[in-house]
Amino acid sequence: MKRGIQKLDILLYNILVAVLALASLVLAILAVSGTITLHNGPYRLIFMLIWIFFLADYLIRFFRAKSKKDFLISNLFDLIALIPSHPIFVLFRIARLYSIVRYYNLLWKFGLSGKFTKALHRFLYDTGFIYLLSISLVILIFSSLIFASFEHDSLENSLWWAITTATTVGYGDVTPKTSGGKIVASILMLGGIGFLGLLTSTITDFFTNEDKQDEQTQTLKHLSHQVAQLSKQVTQLQKELKALPTKQPTSSKTHSKKK
């Protein structure tokens, strides 16, 4: 009885989390598109109340986690979604929705889980891509936040600067002018490029291994087919041998005639 009540409570709580996450996503998209403003008015109040809820949710789950390190790594997107400086970070709350979907196996229940989702899970988690991506995003975001503080620039321009710098594109439309901005740029050049290089190499290795696995699978299928054909031939030969007439021994008859 108690387990049933606990499961119901967890279900209701996850439904509340999903509804609030979707509501915050809608508000963030409308704010970024310029349809509404989150600087004042009722939308700001709603947005802040949802933010307080997810902040409390994150802290409670963090303190209740057995391994704080594993929790921080696996819930890094939830932490990024709590950055209050810009509503665009709320888009990372999609990760929380995905965790709820995985918890209840909703993709499998709706018949959407299959070869693609298994390959996606293997690509994201088995290769460690999701963790490298999380660390790279954290580096880019915090570099842009610090850069915006030093250069007194908007977060959009600072994010654009961080991405172009870390990817070595370097358009030069946004450049550091203060000493603090140059220090941040130097750190980003050294650290960000390394993690982005690991990301690209991980993607390359994954698809290379997938091609090798496909080739091995095809080879195994071909060999198994040949083995099946040989077993059929052996079975057929055994049947033919059994069907041949057996010859009676003649040695005793010949000996009696001589007598």
C-alpha atoms as a PDB file:
ATOM      1  CA  MET A   1       0.000   0.000   0.000  1.00  0.00           C
ATOM      2  CA  LYS A   2       2.774   2.406   0.948  1.00  0.00           C
ATOM      3  CA  ARG A   3       4.706   1.593  -2.243  1.00  0.00           C
ATOM      4  CA  GLY A   4       1.612   2.315  -4.305  1.00  0.00           C
ATOM      5  CA  ILE A   5       1.176   5.690  -2.607  1.00  0.00           C
ATOM      6  CA  GLN A   6       4.861   6.513  -3.114  1.00  0.00           C
ATOM      7  CA  LYS A   7       4.653   5.625  -6.812  1.00  0.00           C
ATOM      8  CA  LEU A   8       1.579   7.819  -7.172  1.00  0.00           C
ATOM      9  CA  ASP A   9       3.337  10.712  -5.433  1.00  0.00           C
ATOM     10  CA  ILE A  10       6.363  10.336  -7.701  1.00  0.00           C
ATOM     11  CA  LEU A  11       4.107  10.220 -10.757  1.00  0.00           C
ATOM     12  CA  LEU A  12       2.229  13.374  -9.720  1.00  0.00           C
ATOM     13  CA  TYR A  13       5.492  15.162  -8.945  1.00  0.00           C
ATOM     14  CA  ASN A  14       6.993  14.232 -12.311  1.00  0.00           C
ATOM     15  CA  ILE A  15       3.836  15.437 -14.047  1.00  0.00           C
ATOM     16  CA  LEU A  16       4.181  18.759 -12.215  1.00  0.00           C
ATOM     17  CA  VAL A  17       7.850  18.980 -13.213  1.00  0.00           C
ATOM     18  CA  ALA A  18       7.004  18.242 -16.854  1.00  0.00           C
ATOM     19  CA  VAL A  19       4.201  20.830 -16.943  1.00  0.00           C
ATOM     20  CA  LEU A  20       6.373  23.551 -15.369  1.00  0.00           C
ATOM     21  CA  ALA A  21       9.302  22.682 -17.642  1.00  0.00           C
ATOM     22  CA  LEU A  22       7.090  22.976 -20.722  1.00  0.00           C
ATOM     23  CA  ALA A  23       5.633  26.256 -19.422  1.00  0.00           C
ATOM     24  CA  SER A  24       9.103  27.708 -18.857  1.00  0.00           C
ATOM     25  CA  LEU A  25      10.188  26.581 -22.333  1.00  0.00           C
ATOM     26  CA  VAL A  26       7.196  28.304 -23.904  1.00  0.00           C
ATOM     27  CA  LEU A  27       7.889  31.508 -21.949  1.00  0.00           C
ATOM     28  CA  ALA A  28      11.568  31.429 -22.910  1.00  0.00           C
ATOM     29  CA  ILE A  29      10.801  30.942 -26.611  1.00  0.00           C
ATOM     30  CA  LEU A  30       8.247  33.755 -26.578  1.00  0.00           C
ATOM     31  CA  ALA A  31      10.721  36.029 -24.770  1.00  0.00           C
ATOM     32  CA  VAL A  32      13.575  35.275 -27.166  1.00  0.00           C
ATOM     33  CA  SER A  33      11.297  35.861 -30.162  1.00  0.00           C
ATOM     34  CA  GLY A  34      10.218  39.217 -28.680  1.00  0.00           C
ATOM     35  CA  THR A  35       6.559  38.286 -28.270  1.00  0.00           C
ATOM     36  CA  ILE A  36       6.601  38.880 -24.502  1.00  0.00           C
ATOM     37  CA  THR A  37       9.026  40.417 -22.031  1.00  0.00           C
ATOM     38  CA  LEU A  38      10.370  38.807 -18.886  1.00  0.00           C
ATOM     39  CA  HIS A  39      11.873  42.008 -17.480  1.00  0.00           C
ATOM     40  CA  ASN A  40       8.636  43.070 -15.792  1.00  0.00           C
ATOM     41  CA  GLY A  41       4.953  42.245 -15.567  1.00  0.00           C
ATOM     42  CA  PRO A  42       3.111  38.998 -14.752  1.00  0.00           C
ATOM     43  CA  TYR A  43       5.250  36.844 -17.066  1.00  0.00           C
ATOM     44  CA  ARG A  44       8.348  37.753 -15.096  1.00  0.00           C
ATOM     45  CA  LEU A  45       6.638  36.705 -11.845  1.00  0.00           C
ATOM     46  CA  ILE A  46       5.546  33.372 -13.327  1.00  0.00           C
ATOM     47  CA  PHE A  47       8.993  32.788 -14.795  1.00  0.00           C
ATOM     48  CA  MET A  48      10.710  33.535 -11.469  1.00  0.00           C
ATOM     49  CA  LEU A  49       8.357  31.255  -9.504  1.00  0.00           C
ATOM     50  CA  ILE A  50       9.100  28.403 -11.913  1.00  0.00           C
ATOM     51  CA  TRP A  51      12.827  29.144 -11.585  1.00  0.00           C
ATOM     52  CA  ILE A  52      12.594  29.003  -7.755  1.00  0.00           C
ATOM     53  CA  PHE A  53      10.768  25.656  -8.007  1.00  0.00           C
ATOM     54  CA  PHE A  54      13.479  24.117 -10.201  1.00  0.00           C
ATOM     55  CA  LEU A  55      16.236  25.602  -8.027  1.00  0.00           C
ATOM     56  CA  ALA A  56      14.708  23.958  -4.937  1.00  0.00           C
ATOM     57  CA  ASP A  57      14.191  20.735  -6.895  1.00  0.00           C
ATOM     58  CA  TYR A  58      17.838  20.682  -7.993  1.00  0.00           C
ATOM     59  CA  LEU A  59      19.170  21.386  -4.483  1.00  0.00           C
ATOM     60  CA  ILE A  60      16.977  18.719  -2.869  1.00  0.00           C
ATOM     61  CA  ARG A  61      18.026  16.104  -5.419  1.00  0.00           C
ATOM     62  CA  PHE A  62      21.663  17.147  -5.013  1.00  0.00           C
ATOM     63  CA  PHE A  63      21.705  16.770  -1.224  1.00  0.00           C
ATOM     64  CA  ARG A  64      19.797  13.479  -1.404  1.00  0.00           C
ATOM     65  CA  ALA A  65      22.123  12.004  -4.035  1.00  0.00           C
ATOM     66  CA  LYS A  66      24.488   9.306  -2.810  1.00  0.00           C
ATOM     67  CA  SER A  67      27.267  10.426  -5.131  1.00  0.00           C
ATOM     68  CA  LYS A  68      27.435  14.198  -5.508  1.00  0.00           C
ATOM     69  CA  LYS A  69      30.000  13.889  -8.302  1.00  0.00           C
ATOM     70  CA  ASP A  70      27.833  11.577 -10.409  1.00  0.00           C
ATOM     71  CA  PHE A  71      24.828  13.802  -9.796  1.00  0.00           C
ATOM     72  CA  LEU A  72      26.658  16.919 -10.995  1.00  0.00           C
ATOM     73  CA  ILE A  73      27.850  15.176 -14.135  1.00  0.00           C
ATOM     74  CA  SER A  74      24.531  13.549 -15.034  1.00  0.00           C
ATOM     75  CA  ASN A  75      22.468  16.673 -14.231  1.00  0.00           C
ATOM     76  CA  LEU A  76      24.747  19.304 -15.708  1.00  0.00           C
ATOM     77  CA  PHE A  77      22.092  20.503 -18.153  1.00  0.00           C
ATOM     78  CA  ASP A  78      19.706  21.088 -15.241  1.00  0.00           C
ATOM     79  CA  LEU A  79      22.341  23.312 -13.638  1.00  0.00           C
ATOM     80  CA  ILE A  80      22.839  25.262 -16.873  1.00  0.00           C
ATOM     81  CA  ALA A  81      19.069  25.770 -17.107  1.00  0.00           C
ATOM     82  CA  LEU A  82      19.197  27.547 -13.726  1.00  0.00           C
ATOM     83  CA  ILE A  83      21.465  30.346 -14.997  1.00  0.00           C
ATOM     84  CA  PRO A  84      19.217  33.410 -14.521  1.00  0.00           C
ATOM     85  CA  SER A  85      21.037  35.841 -16.783  1.00  0.00           C
ATOM     86  CA  HIS A  86      19.134  34.947 -19.971  1.00  0.00           C
ATOM     87  CA  PRO A  87      15.968  32.932 -20.749  1.00  0.00           C
ATOM     88  CA  ILE A  88      17.751  31.006 -23.512  1.00  0.00           C
ATOM     89  CA  PHE A  89      19.354  28.786 -20.869  1.00  0.00           C
ATOM     90  CA  VAL A  90      15.904  27.445 -20.005  1.00  0.00           C
ATOM     91  CA  LEU A  91      16.044  25.465 -23.259  1.00  0.00           C
ATOM     92  CA  PHE A  92      18.432  23.082 -21.488  1.00  0.00           C
ATOM     93  CA  ARG A  93      15.452  22.032 -19.362  1.00  0.00           C
ATOM     94  CA  ILE A  94      14.603  19.671 -22.214  1.00  0.00           C
ATOM     95  CA  ALA A  95      17.097  17.315 -20.580  1.00  0.00           C
ATOM     96  CA  ARG A  96      14.845  17.085 -17.516  1.00  0.00           C
ATOM     97  CA  LEU A  97      11.870  16.209 -19.707  1.00  0.00           C
ATOM     98  CA  TYR A  98      13.947  13.557 -21.447  1.00  0.00           C
ATOM     99  CA  SER A  99      14.956  12.038 -18.094  1.00  0.00           C
ATOM    100  CA  ILE A 100      11.276  11.711 -17.146  1.00  0.00           C
ATOM    101  CA  VAL A 101      10.510  10.103 -20.506  1.00  0.00           C
ATOM    102  CA  ARG A 102      13.332   7.609 -19.950  1.00  0.00           C
ATOM    103  CA  TYR A 103      12.268   6.940 -16.350  1.00  0.00           C
ATOM    104  CA  TYR A 104       8.825   5.764 -17.449  1.00  0.00           C
ATOM    105  CA  ASN A 105      10.045   4.176 -20.730  1.00  0.00           C
ATOM    106  CA  LEU A 106       7.513   6.248 -22.634  1.00  0.00           C
ATOM    107  CA  LEU A 107       9.313   5.857 -25.955  1.00  0.00           C
ATOM    108  CA  TRP A 108       9.097   2.072 -25.637  1.00  0.00           C
ATOM    109  CA  LYS A 109       5.456   2.174 -24.542  1.00  0.00           C
ATOM    110  CA  PHE A 110       4.511   4.279 -27.572  1.00  0.00           C
ATOM    111  CA  GLY A 111       6.490   2.025 -29.890  1.00  0.00           C
ATOM    112  CA  LEU A 112       9.121   4.656 -30.649  1.00  0.00           C
ATOM    113  CA  SER A 113      12.037   2.851 -29.053  1.00  0.00           C
ATOM    114  CA  GLY A 114      14.067   0.745 -31.402  1.00  0.00           C
ATOM    115  CA  LYS A 115      17.298   0.597 -33.294  1.00  0.00           C
ATOM    116  CA  PHE A 116      17.567   4.395 -33.604  1.00  0.00           C
ATOM    117  CA  THR A 117      17.068   5.128 -29.901  1.00  0.00           C
ATOM    118  CA  LYS A 118      19.494   2.377 -28.909  1.00  0.00           C
ATOM    119  CA  ALA A 119      22.107   3.757 -31.285  1.00  0.00           C
ATOM    120  CA  LEU A 120      21.473   7.267 -29.943  1.00  0.00           C
ATOM    121  CA  HIS A 121      21.872   6.098 -26.339  1.00  0.00           C
ATOM    122  CA  ARG A 122      25.064   4.240 -27.259  1.00  0.00           C
ATOM    123  CA  PHE A 123      26.402   7.330 -29.016  1.00  0.00           C
ATOM    124  CA  LEU A 124      25.595   9.718 -26.168  1.00  0.00           C
ATOM    125  CA  TYR A 125      26.539   7.647 -23.127  1.00  0.00           C
ATOM    126  CA  ASP A 126      28.762   4.729 -24.107  1.00  0.00           C
ATOM    127  CA  THR A 127      31.200   6.981 -25.941  1.00  0.00           C
ATOM    128  CA  GLY A 128      31.091   9.655 -23.224  1.00  0.00           C
ATOM    129  CA  PHE A 129      29.925  12.220 -25.789  1.00  0.00           C
ATOM    130  CA  ILE A 130      27.232  13.642 -23.507  1.00  0.00           C
ATOM    131  CA  TYR A 131      29.787  14.402 -20.798  1.00  0.00           C
ATOM    132  CA  LEU A 132      32.235  16.052 -23.190  1.00  0.00           C
ATOM    133  CA  LEU A 133      29.374  18.072 -24.657  1.00  0.00           C
ATOM    134  CA  SER A 134      28.260  19.154 -21.191  1.00  0.00           C
ATOM    135  CA  ILE A 135      31.748  20.280 -20.181  1.00  0.00           C
ATOM    136  CA  SER A 136      32.210  22.107 -23.488  1.00  0.00           C
ATOM    137  CA  LEU A 137      28.893  23.915 -23.058  1.00  0.00           C
ATOM    138  CA  VAL A 138      29.796  24.896 -19.503  1.00  0.00           C
ATOM    139  CA  ILE A 139      33.118  26.318 -20.710  1.00  0.00           C
ATOM    140  CA  LEU A 140      31.418  28.266 -23.504  1.00  0.00           C
ATOM    141  CA  ILE A 141      28.626  29.605 -21.300  1.00  0.00           C
ATOM    142  CA  PHE A 142      30.735  30.689 -18.363  1.00  0.00           C
ATOM    143  CA  SER A 143      33.363  32.174 -20.674  1.00  0.00           C
ATOM    144  CA  SER A 144      30.657  34.218 -22.393  1.00  0.00           C
ATOM    145  CA  LEU A 145      29.212  35.337 -19.054  1.00  0.00           C
ATOM    146  CA  ILE A 146      32.604  36.501 -17.768  1.00  0.00           C
ATOM    147  CA  PHE A 147      33.419  38.057 -21.131  1.00  0.00           C
ATOM    148  CA  ALA A 148      30.138  39.968 -21.130  1.00  0.00           C
ATOM    149  CA  SER A 149      30.904  41.248 -17.630  1.00  0.00           C
ATOM    150  CA  PHE A 150      34.374  42.477 -18.559  1.00  0.00           C
ATOM    151  CA  GLU A 151      33.483  43.880 -21.976  1.00  0.00           C
ATOM    152  CA  HIS A 152      30.046  45.253 -20.953  1.00  0.00           C
ATOM    153  CA  ASP A 153      28.536  43.504 -23.967  1.00  0.00           C
ATOM    154  CA  SER A 154      25.282  41.589 -24.422  1.00  0.00           C
ATOM    155  CA  LEU A 155      25.110  37.879 -23.686  1.00  0.00           C
ATOM    156  CA  GLU A 156      24.136  37.121 -27.304  1.00  0.00           C
ATOM    157  CA  ASN A 157      27.294  38.760 -28.650  1.00  0.00           C
ATOM    158  CA  SER A 158      29.399  37.137 -25.936  1.00  0.00           C
ATOM    159  CA  LEU A 159      28.031  33.677 -26.764  1.00  0.00           C
ATOM    160  CA  TRP A 160      28.696  34.298 -30.435  1.00  0.00           C
ATOM    161  CA  TRP A 161      32.244  35.391 -29.570  1.00  0.00           C
ATOM    162  CA  ALA A 162      32.816  32.286 -27.398  1.00  0.00           C
ATOM    163  CA  ILE A 163      31.624  29.898 -30.117  1.00  0.00           C
ATOM    164  CA  THR A 164      33.670  31.505 -32.894  1.00  0.00           C
ATOM    165  CA  THR A 165      36.744  31.609 -30.649  1.00  0.00           C
ATOM    166  CA  ALA A 166      36.491  28.008 -29.412  1.00  0.00           C
ATOM    167  CA  THR A 167      35.908  26.668 -32.921  1.00  0.00           C
ATOM    168  CA  THR A 168      38.900  28.694 -34.230  1.00  0.00           C
ATOM    169  CA  VAL A 169      36.671  30.410 -36.803  1.00  0.00           C
ATOM    170  CA  GLY A 170      37.452  33.869 -35.450  1.00  0.00           C
ATOM    171  CA  TYR A 171      35.377  36.229 -37.578  1.00  0.00           C
ATOM    172  CA  GLY A 172      36.705  39.179 -35.593  1.00  0.00           C
ATOM    173  CA  ASP A 173      33.383  41.008 -35.366  1.00  0.00           C
ATOM    174  CA  VAL A 174      33.556  40.740 -31.542  1.00  0.00           C
ATOM    175  CA  THR A 175      36.982  41.068 -29.946  1.00  0.00           C
ATOM    176  CA  PRO A 176      38.203  41.571 -26.358  1.00  0.00           C
ATOM    177  CA  LYS A 177      39.353  45.078 -25.532  1.00  0.00           C
ATOM    178  CA  THR A 178      39.906  44.888 -21.770  1.00  0.00           C
ATOM    179  CA  SER A 179      42.621  42.963 -19.943  1.00  0.00           C
ATOM    180  CA  GLY A 180      40.045  40.709 -18.289  1.00  0.00           C
ATOM    181  CA  GLY A 181      38.441  39.917 -21.627  1.00  0.00           C
ATOM    182  CA  LYS A 182      41.818  39.006 -23.129  1.00  0.00           C
ATOM    183  CA  ILE A 183      42.580  36.677 -20.224  1.00  0.00           C
ATOM    184  CA  VAL A 184      39.217  34.954 -20.672  1.00  0.00           C
ATOM    185  CA  ALA A 185      39.894  34.665 -24.396  1.00  0.00           C
ATOM    186  CA  SER A 186      43.289  33.071 -23.751  1.00  0.00           C
ATOM    187  CA  ILE A 187      41.815  30.500 -21.355  1.00  0.00           C
ATOM    188  CA  LEU A 188      39.007  29.708 -23.805  1.00  0.00           C
ATOM    189  CA  MET A 189      41.470  29.252 -26.651  1.00  0.00           C
ATOM    190  CA  LEU A 190      43.490  26.729 -24.653  1.00  0.00           C
ATOM    191  CA  GLY A 191      40.675  24.852 -22.911  1.00  0.00           C
ATOM    192  CA  GLY A 192      37.758  25.179 -25.284  1.00  0.00           C
ATOM    193  CA  ILE A 193      39.606  24.060 -28.393  1.00  0.00           C
ATOM    194  CA  GLY A 194      40.821  20.926 -26.607  1.00  0.00           C
ATOM    195  CA  PHE A 195      37.338  19.829 -25.573  1.00  0.00           C
ATOM    196  CA  LEU A 196      35.851  20.625 -28.977  1.00  0.00           C
ATOM    197  CA  GLY A 197      38.636  18.567 -30.546  1.00  0.00           C
ATOM    198  CA  LEU A 198      37.685  15.662 -28.292  1.00  0.00           C
ATOM    199  CA  LEU A 199      34.064  16.068 -29.371  1.00  0.00           C
ATOM    200  CA  THR A 200      34.886  15.848 -33.063  1.00  0.00           C
ATOM    201  CA  SER A 201      37.227  12.898 -32.549  1.00  0.00           C
ATOM    202  CA  THR A 202      34.533  11.096 -30.520  1.00  0.00           C
ATOM    203  CA  ILE A 203      32.011  11.572 -33.320  1.00  0.00           C
ATOM    204  CA  THR A 204      34.519  10.344 -35.915  1.00  0.00           C
ATOM    205  CA  ASP A 205      35.500   7.283 -33.859  1.00  0.00           C
ATOM    206  CA  PHE A 206      31.853   6.375 -33.254  1.00  0.00           C
ATOM    207  CA  PHE A 207      30.878   6.336 -36.925  1.00  0.00           C
ATOM    208  CA  THR A 208      34.116   4.570 -37.877  1.00  0.00           C
ATOM    209  CA  ASN A 209      33.414   1.836 -35.331  1.00  0.00           C
ATOM    210  CA  GLU A 210      29.806   1.639 -36.526  1.00  0.00           C
ATOM    211  CA  ASP A 211      31.015   0.996 -40.084  1.00  0.00           C
ATOM    212  CA  LYS A 212      33.407  -1.687 -38.828  1.00  0.00           C
ATOM    213  CA  GLN A 213      30.640  -3.308 -36.803  1.00  0.00           C
ATOM    214  CA  ASP A 214      28.354  -3.295 -39.845  1.00  0.00           C
ATOM    215  CA  GLU A 215      31.061  -4.976 -41.922  1.00  0.00           C
ATOM    216  CA  GLN A 216      31.640  -7.571 -39.206  1.00  0.00           C
ATOM    217  CA  THR A 217      27.912  -8.191 -38.946  1.00  0.00           C
ATOM    218  CA  GLN A 218      27.628  -8.728 -42.682  1.00  0.00           C
ATOM    219  CA  THR A 219      30.627 -11.093 -42.617  1.00  0.00           C
ATOM    220  CA  LEU A 220      29.127 -13.095 -39.757  1.00  0.00           C
ATOM    221  CA  LYS A 221      25.792 -13.323 -41.569  1.00  0.00           C
ATOM    222  CA  HIS A 222      27.554 -14.585 -44.700  1.00  0.00           C
ATOM    223  CA  LEU A 223      29.543 -17.179 -42.731  1.00  0.00           C
ATOM    224  CA  SER A 224      26.463 -18.354 -40.836  1.00  0.00           C
ATOM    225  CA  HIS A 225      24.652 -18.743 -44.156  1.00  0.00           C
ATOM    226  CA  GLN A 226      27.498 -20.849 -45.543  1.00  0.00           C
ATOM    227  CA  VAL A 227      27.581 -22.986 -42.387  1.00  0.00           C
ATOM    228  CA  ALA A 228      23.833 -23.536 -42.696  1.00  0.00           C
ATOM    229  CA  GLN A 229      24.236 -24.622 -46.321  1.00  0.00           C
ATOM    230  CA  LEU A 230      27.053 -27.044 -45.393  1.00  0.00           C
ATOM    231  CA  SER A 231      24.990 -28.535 -42.579  1.00  0.00           C
ATOM    232  CA  LYS A 232      22.127 -29.115 -45.004  1.00  0.00           C
ATOM    233  CA  GLN A 233      24.487 -30.854 -47.439  1.00  0.00           C
ATOM    234  CA  VAL A 234      25.917 -33.049 -44.675  1.00  0.00           C
ATOM    235  CA  THR A 235      22.405 -33.982 -43.567  1.00  0.00           C
ATOM    236  CA  GLN A 236      21.478 -34.859 -47.144  1.00  0.00           C
ATOM    237  CA  LEU A 237      24.586 -37.044 -47.545  1.00  0.00           C
ATOM    238  CA  GLN A 238      23.778 -38.873 -44.316  1.00  0.00           C
ATOM    239  CA  LYS A 239      20.267 -39.608 -45.598  1.00  0.00           C
ATOM    240  CA  GLU A 240      21.673 -40.909 -48.916  1.00  0.00           C
ATOM    241  CA  LEU A 241      24.178 -43.138 -47.137  1.00  0.00           C
ATOM    242  CA  LYS A 242      21.450 -44.617 -44.971  1.00  0.00           C
ATOM    243  CA  ALA A 243      19.328 -45.275 -48.054  1.00  0.00           C
ATOM    244  CA  LEU A 244      22.070 -47.398 -49.753  1.00  0.00           C
ATOM    245  CA  PRO A 245      21.454 -51.260 -49.604  1.00  0.00           C
ATOM    246  CA  THR A 246      23.737 -53.110 -47.212  1.00  0.00           C
ATOM    247  CA  LYS A 247      25.750 -56.083 -48.722  1.00  0.00           C
ATOM    248  CA  GLN A 248      25.526 -59.487 -46.991  1.00  0.00           C
ATOM    249  CA  PRO A 249      28.835 -61.208 -46.059  1.00  0.00           C
ATOM    250  CA  THR A 250      29.812 -64.032 -48.558  1.00  0.00           C
ATOM    251  CA  SER A 251      32.776 -65.624 -46.838  1.00  0.00           C
ATOM    252  CA  SER A 252      30.770 -68.367 -45.079  1.00  0.00           C
ATOM    253  CA  LYS A 253      28.912 -69.413 -48.264  1.00  0.00           C
ATOM    254  CA  THR A 254      32.152 -69.750 -50.255  1.00  0.00           C
ATOM    255  CA  HIS A 255      33.704 -71.932 -47.550  1.00  0.00           C
ATOM    256  CA  SER A 256      30.741 -74.378 -47.568  1.00  0.00           C
ATOM    257  CA  LYS A 257      30.881 -74.816 -51.350  1.00  0.00           C
ATOM    258  CA  LYS A 258      34.565 -75.788 -51.215  1.00  0.00           C
ATOM    259  CA  LYS A 259      33.752 -78.551 -48.794  1.00  0.00           C
END
